[in-house]
């Protein structure tokens, strides 16, 4: 489930907990597509992707018309995410939907 955030710019932004992996991954991507997401940005580290069975996230995104940006700015849990810059300028220039997962 996505939580949509008012941004004050033309793009839409949502955050969500990480998707369920493995056999549930396609269902998760289908649900994001139905909600209107267009881009998925992950903050998971490669090690977390393996641990959570999300190695096929890029392929699942593409299969449902989502543009995957994986990993965008990975950071380990319990670390300060401000160390990873996401670049607000990139978001403000983009028309459409942005979706962040972590």
C-alpha atoms as a PDB file:
ATOM      1  CA  UNK A   1       0.000   0.000   0.000  1.00  0.00           C
ATOM      2  CA  UNK A   2       1.294   3.400  -0.997  1.00  0.00           C
ATOM      3  CA  UNK A   3       0.982   6.531   1.103  1.00  0.00           C
ATOM      4  CA  UNK A   4       0.609   9.534  -1.187  1.00  0.00           C
ATOM      5  CA  UNK A   5       2.259  12.820  -0.206  1.00  0.00           C
ATOM      6  CA  UNK A   6       1.212  16.314  -1.310  1.00  0.00           C
ATOM      7  CA  UNK A   7       4.322  17.771  -2.953  1.00  0.00           C
ATOM      8  CA  UNK A   8       3.205  21.133  -4.284  1.00  0.00           C
ATOM      9  CA  UNK A   9       4.787  20.286  -7.665  1.00  0.00           C
ATOM     10  CA  UNK A  10       3.274  18.619 -10.749  1.00  0.00           C
ATOM     11  CA  UNK A  11       4.726  15.184  -9.907  1.00  0.00           C
ATOM     12  CA  UNK A  12       3.007  12.837  -7.452  1.00  0.00           C
ATOM     13  CA  UNK A  13       5.042  11.191  -4.704  1.00  0.00           C
ATOM     14  CA  UNK A  14       4.285   8.171  -2.539  1.00  0.00           C
ATOM     15  CA  UNK A  15       6.207   6.194   0.040  1.00  0.00           C
ATOM     16  CA  UNK A  16       5.669   2.613   1.084  1.00  0.00           C
ATOM     17  CA  UNK A  17       7.296  -0.178   3.022  1.00  0.00           C
ATOM     18  CA  UNK A  18       9.324  -2.550   0.917  1.00  0.00           C
ATOM     19  CA  UNK A  19       7.247  -4.836  -1.296  1.00  0.00           C
ATOM     20  CA  UNK A  20       6.814  -8.502  -0.498  1.00  0.00           C
ATOM     21  CA  UNK A  21       9.353 -10.525  -2.411  1.00  0.00           C
ATOM     22  CA  UNK A  22       9.466 -13.927  -4.023  1.00  0.00           C
ATOM     23  CA  UNK A  23       6.189 -15.269  -5.326  1.00  0.00           C
ATOM     24  CA  UNK A  24       4.323 -12.142  -4.144  1.00  0.00           C
ATOM     25  CA  UNK A  25       6.488  -9.660  -6.035  1.00  0.00           C
ATOM     26  CA  UNK A  26       4.396  -9.593  -9.224  1.00  0.00           C
ATOM     27  CA  UNK A  27       1.221  -9.030  -7.195  1.00  0.00           C
ATOM     28  CA  UNK A  28       2.923  -6.078  -5.486  1.00  0.00           C
ATOM     29  CA  UNK A  29       3.967  -4.520  -8.812  1.00  0.00           C
ATOM     30  CA  UNK A  30       0.480  -5.054 -10.263  1.00  0.00           C
ATOM     31  CA  UNK A  31      -1.013  -3.247  -7.258  1.00  0.00           C
ATOM     32  CA  UNK A  32       1.390  -0.312  -7.687  1.00  0.00           C
ATOM     33  CA  UNK A  33       0.470  -0.097 -11.357  1.00  0.00           C
ATOM     34  CA  UNK A  34      -3.242   0.034 -10.447  1.00  0.00           C
ATOM     35  CA  UNK A  35      -2.527   2.843  -7.952  1.00  0.00           C
ATOM     36  CA  UNK A  36      -1.001   4.894 -10.750  1.00  0.00           C
ATOM     37  CA  UNK A  37       2.696   4.568  -9.892  1.00  0.00           C
ATOM     38  CA  UNK A  38       5.105   5.070 -12.760  1.00  0.00           C
ATOM     39  CA  UNK A  39       8.554   4.965 -11.174  1.00  0.00           C
ATOM     40  CA  UNK A  40       9.827   2.792  -8.320  1.00  0.00           C
ATOM     41  CA  UNK A  41      12.872   3.975  -6.400  1.00  0.00           C
ATOM     42  CA  UNK A  42      14.397   1.604  -3.871  1.00  0.00           C
ATOM     43  CA  UNK A  43      16.523   2.526  -0.879  1.00  0.00           C
ATOM     44  CA  UNK A  44      17.406  -1.087  -0.091  1.00  0.00           C
ATOM     45  CA  UNK A  45      21.002  -2.265  -0.197  1.00  0.00           C
ATOM     46  CA  UNK A  46      21.904  -5.164  -2.518  1.00  0.00           C
ATOM     47  CA  UNK A  47      22.275  -7.369   0.554  1.00  0.00           C
ATOM     48  CA  UNK A  48      18.750  -6.468   1.722  1.00  0.00           C
ATOM     49  CA  UNK A  49      17.366  -7.218  -1.751  1.00  0.00           C
ATOM     50  CA  UNK A  50      18.793 -10.743  -1.504  1.00  0.00           C
ATOM     51  CA  UNK A  51      17.628 -11.229   2.093  1.00  0.00           C
ATOM     52  CA  UNK A  52      14.084 -10.066   1.218  1.00  0.00           C
ATOM     53  CA  UNK A  53      13.927 -12.052  -2.068  1.00  0.00           C
ATOM     54  CA  UNK A  54      13.635  -8.904  -4.186  1.00  0.00           C
ATOM     55  CA  UNK A  55      16.379  -9.649  -6.727  1.00  0.00           C
ATOM     56  CA  UNK A  56      13.757  -9.784  -9.512  1.00  0.00           C
ATOM     57  CA  UNK A  57      12.248  -6.399  -8.628  1.00  0.00           C
ATOM     58  CA  UNK A  58      13.640  -4.689 -11.752  1.00  0.00           C
ATOM     59  CA  UNK A  59      12.107  -7.302 -14.084  1.00  0.00           C
ATOM     60  CA  UNK A  60       8.785  -7.256 -12.198  1.00  0.00           C
ATOM     61  CA  UNK A  61       8.660  -3.444 -12.458  1.00  0.00           C
ATOM     62  CA  UNK A  62       9.267  -3.553 -16.188  1.00  0.00           C
ATOM     63  CA  UNK A  63       6.640  -6.268 -16.675  1.00  0.00           C
ATOM     64  CA  UNK A  64       3.998  -3.942 -15.189  1.00  0.00           C
ATOM     65  CA  UNK A  65       5.083  -0.738 -16.894  1.00  0.00           C
ATOM     66  CA  UNK A  66       6.929   0.735 -13.917  1.00  0.00           C
ATOM     67  CA  UNK A  67      10.265   2.412 -14.491  1.00  0.00           C
ATOM     68  CA  UNK A  68      12.684   0.875 -11.978  1.00  0.00           C
ATOM     69  CA  UNK A  69      15.462   2.911 -10.396  1.00  0.00           C
ATOM     70  CA  UNK A  70      17.063   0.184  -8.324  1.00  0.00           C
ATOM     71  CA  UNK A  71      18.949   0.832  -6.177  1.00  0.00           C
ATOM     72  CA  UNK A  72      18.680   4.595  -6.167  1.00  0.00           C
ATOM     73  CA  UNK A  73      20.260   5.580  -2.899  1.00  0.00           C
ATOM     74  CA  UNK A  74      20.674   2.429  -0.822  1.00  0.00           C
ATOM     75  CA  UNK A  75      21.143   2.786   2.896  1.00  0.00           C
ATOM     76  CA  UNK A  76      21.168   0.163   5.601  1.00  0.00           C
ATOM     77  CA  UNK A  77      18.374   0.099   8.177  1.00  0.00           C
ATOM     78  CA  UNK A  78      19.055   2.134  11.302  1.00  0.00           C
ATOM     79  CA  UNK A  79      21.359   4.466   9.375  1.00  0.00           C
ATOM     80  CA  UNK A  80      20.679   8.120   8.643  1.00  0.00           C
ATOM     81  CA  UNK A  81      19.103   8.276   5.156  1.00  0.00           C
ATOM     82  CA  UNK A  82      20.065  11.933   4.764  1.00  0.00           C
ATOM     83  CA  UNK A  83      23.509  10.698   3.779  1.00  0.00           C
ATOM     84  CA  UNK A  84      21.980   9.462   0.505  1.00  0.00           C
ATOM     85  CA  UNK A  85      20.984  12.406  -1.673  1.00  0.00           C
ATOM     86  CA  UNK A  86      17.914  11.827  -3.861  1.00  0.00           C
ATOM     87  CA  UNK A  87      18.112  15.200  -5.614  1.00  0.00           C
ATOM     88  CA  UNK A  88      14.838  17.134  -5.289  1.00  0.00           C
ATOM     89  CA  UNK A  89      15.704  18.878  -8.556  1.00  0.00           C
ATOM     90  CA  UNK A  90      15.243  15.615 -10.439  1.00  0.00           C
ATOM     91  CA  UNK A  91      11.783  15.135  -8.918  1.00  0.00           C
ATOM     92  CA  UNK A  92      10.626  18.682  -9.595  1.00  0.00           C
ATOM     93  CA  UNK A  93      11.548  18.435 -13.284  1.00  0.00           C
ATOM     94  CA  UNK A  94       9.692  15.161 -13.798  1.00  0.00           C
ATOM     95  CA  UNK A  95       6.049  15.102 -14.871  1.00  0.00           C
ATOM     96  CA  UNK A  96       4.119  12.044 -13.717  1.00  0.00           C
ATOM     97  CA  UNK A  97       4.331   9.760 -10.743  1.00  0.00           C
ATOM     98  CA  UNK A  98       7.224   9.003  -8.462  1.00  0.00           C
ATOM     99  CA  UNK A  99       7.131   6.139  -6.002  1.00  0.00           C
ATOM    100  CA  UNK A 100       9.704   5.475  -3.311  1.00  0.00           C
ATOM    101  CA  UNK A 101      10.083   2.154  -1.544  1.00  0.00           C
ATOM    102  CA  UNK A 102      12.287   1.437   1.431  1.00  0.00           C
END
